C-alpha atoms as a PDB file:
ATOM      1  CA  UNK A   1      11.443 -84.314  32.449  1.00  0.00           C
ATOM      2  CA  UNK A   2      11.104 -81.252  30.540  1.00  0.00           C
ATOM      3  CA  UNK A   3      12.941 -77.881  31.609  1.00  0.00           C
ATOM      4  CA  UNK A   4      10.416 -75.019  31.568  1.00  0.00           C
ATOM      5  CA  UNK A   5      12.798 -72.323  33.011  1.00  0.00           C
ATOM      6  CA  UNK A   6      16.095 -71.719  33.950  1.00  0.00           C
ATOM      7  CA  UNK A   7      17.413 -69.165  36.602  1.00  0.00           C
ATOM      8  CA  UNK A   8      20.819 -69.034  37.012  1.00  0.00           C
ATOM      9  CA  UNK A   9      21.459 -72.621  38.670  1.00  0.00           C
ATOM     10  CA  UNK A  10      17.991 -73.279  39.530  1.00  0.00           C
ATOM     11  CA  UNK A  11      16.213 -75.681  36.939  1.00  0.00           C
ATOM     12  CA  UNK A  12      12.153 -75.504  36.876  1.00  0.00           C
ATOM     13  CA  UNK A  13      10.748 -78.551  35.294  1.00  0.00           C
ATOM     14  CA  UNK A  14       7.683 -80.608  34.499  1.00  0.00           C
ATOM     15  CA  UNK A  15       8.194 -84.251  35.372  1.00  0.00           C
ATOM     16  CA  UNK A  16       6.415 -86.476  32.807  1.00  0.00           C
ATOM     17  CA  UNK A  17       5.474 -89.396  35.572  1.00  0.00           C
ATOM     18  CA  UNK A  18       3.951 -87.048  37.371  1.00  0.00           C
ATOM     19  CA  UNK A  19       0.178 -86.199  39.009  1.00  0.00           C
ATOM     20  CA  UNK A  20      -2.063 -83.760  39.484  1.00  0.00           C
ATOM     21  CA  UNK A  21      -2.552 -81.063  40.399  1.00  0.00           C
ATOM     22  CA  UNK A  22      -0.736 -79.120  37.765  1.00  0.00           C
ATOM     23  CA  UNK A  23       2.925 -78.035  39.427  1.00  0.00           C
ATOM     24  CA  UNK A  24       6.310 -77.704  38.697  1.00  0.00           C
ATOM     25  CA  UNK A  25       9.586 -78.891  40.390  1.00  0.00           C
ATOM     26  CA  UNK A  26      12.694 -76.249  40.828  1.00  0.00           C
ATOM     27  CA  UNK A  27      15.861 -77.912  41.566  1.00  0.00           C
ATOM     28  CA  UNK A  28      19.100 -76.368  42.730  1.00  0.00           C
ATOM     29  CA  UNK A  29      21.996 -79.247  42.251  1.00  0.00           C
ATOM     30  CA  UNK A  30      21.270 -81.343  45.398  1.00  0.00           C
ATOM     31  CA  UNK A  31      21.225 -78.442  47.424  1.00  0.00           C
ATOM     32  CA  UNK A  32      17.775 -77.580  47.481  1.00  0.00           C
ATOM     33  CA  UNK A  33      14.227 -78.310  46.204  1.00  0.00           C
ATOM     34  CA  UNK A  34      10.630 -77.044  45.591  1.00  0.00           C
ATOM     35  CA  UNK A  35       7.093 -77.391  44.303  1.00  0.00           C
ATOM     36  CA  UNK A  36       4.923 -74.554  42.877  1.00  0.00           C
ATOM     37  CA  UNK A  37       0.998 -75.455  42.078  1.00  0.00           C
ATOM     38  CA  UNK A  38       0.508 -73.631  38.849  1.00  0.00           C
ATOM     39  CA  UNK A  39      -3.407 -73.512  39.471  1.00  0.00           C
ATOM     40  CA  UNK A  40      -3.972 -73.362  35.508  1.00  0.00           C
ATOM     41  CA  UNK A  41      -4.792 -71.715  33.611  1.00  0.00           C
ATOM     42  CA  UNK A  42      -5.085 -68.285  35.453  1.00  0.00           C
ATOM     43  CA  UNK A  43      -3.134 -69.128  38.804  1.00  0.00           C
ATOM     44  CA  UNK A  44      -2.106 -68.091  41.226  1.00  0.00           C
ATOM     45  CA  UNK A  45       1.148 -69.808  41.398  1.00  0.00           C
ATOM     46  CA  UNK A  46       1.527 -71.423  44.963  1.00  0.00           C
ATOM     47  CA  UNK A  47       4.474 -72.648  46.583  1.00  0.00           C
ATOM     48  CA  UNK A  48       3.647 -76.060  47.692  1.00  0.00           C
ATOM     49  CA  UNK A  49       6.642 -77.537  49.713  1.00  0.00           C
ATOM     50  CA  UNK A  50      10.483 -76.810  49.878  1.00  0.00           C
ATOM     51  CA  UNK A  51      13.908 -77.480  51.302  1.00  0.00           C
ATOM     52  CA  UNK A  52      17.048 -75.925  51.287  1.00  0.00           C
ATOM     53  CA  UNK A  53      16.055 -72.397  49.230  1.00  0.00           C
ATOM     54  CA  UNK A  54      16.150 -69.350  50.567  1.00  0.00           C
ATOM     55  CA  UNK A  55      13.109 -66.973  50.480  1.00  0.00           C
ATOM     56  CA  UNK A  56      14.576 -64.640  48.180  1.00  0.00           C
ATOM     57  CA  UNK A  57      15.209 -67.513  45.690  1.00  0.00           C
ATOM     58  CA  UNK A  58      11.701 -68.963  46.144  1.00  0.00           C
ATOM     59  CA  UNK A  59      10.142 -65.494  45.563  1.00  0.00           C
ATOM     60  CA  UNK A  60      11.980 -64.806  42.761  1.00  0.00           C
ATOM     61  CA  UNK A  61      11.504 -68.902  41.494  1.00  0.00           C
ATOM     62  CA  UNK A  62       7.517 -67.840  41.865  1.00  0.00           C
ATOM     63  CA  UNK A  63       7.811 -64.587  40.091  1.00  0.00           C
ATOM     64  CA  UNK A  64       8.746 -65.962  37.089  1.00  0.00           C
ATOM     65  CA  UNK A  65       6.830 -69.052  36.923  1.00  0.00           C
ATOM     66  CA  UNK A  66       3.873 -66.679  37.295  1.00  0.00           C
ATOM     67  CA  UNK A  67       5.532 -64.546  34.524  1.00  0.00           C
ATOM     68  CA  UNK A  68       5.719 -67.553  32.441  1.00  0.00           C
ATOM     69  CA  UNK A  69       2.253 -69.601  33.283  1.00  0.00           C
ATOM     70  CA  UNK A  70       0.489 -69.741  30.237  1.00  0.00           C
ATOM     71  CA  UNK A  71       3.436 -71.290  28.367  1.00  0.00           C
ATOM     72  CA  UNK A  72       4.321 -73.125  31.633  1.00  0.00           C
ATOM     73  CA  UNK A  73       0.348 -74.687  31.706  1.00  0.00           C
ATOM     74  CA  UNK A  74       0.514 -75.523  27.905  1.00  0.00           C
ATOM     75  CA  UNK A  75       3.277 -77.607  28.493  1.00  0.00           C
ATOM     76  CA  UNK A  76       2.014 -79.220  31.277  1.00  0.00           C
ATOM     77  CA  UNK A  77      -1.244 -79.662  29.483  1.00  0.00           C
ATOM     78  CA  UNK A  78       1.019 -81.314  26.589  1.00  0.00           C
ATOM     79  CA  UNK A  79       2.510 -83.386  28.957  1.00  0.00           C
ATOM     80  CA  UNK A  80      -0.157 -84.703  31.261  1.00  0.00           C
ATOM     81  CA  UNK A  81      -3.365 -84.171  29.129  1.00  0.00           C
END
């Protein structure tokens, strides 16, 4: 599962055995997890679901995913076609 972003102790990844729609998983150890829909190629990035993250963390993750959307969508396409 390729990591597409790292934000302090939060890893944002695309799972290679995953399914459409295009999305990423954000994981903070065993403490928290979230999924963000990418809506490739132009967004908007949407919070899909989450557990354990603070709102400020979710906002930061979403903003960073949006700032890197083109590269993340390209990686999704490379992995999933």
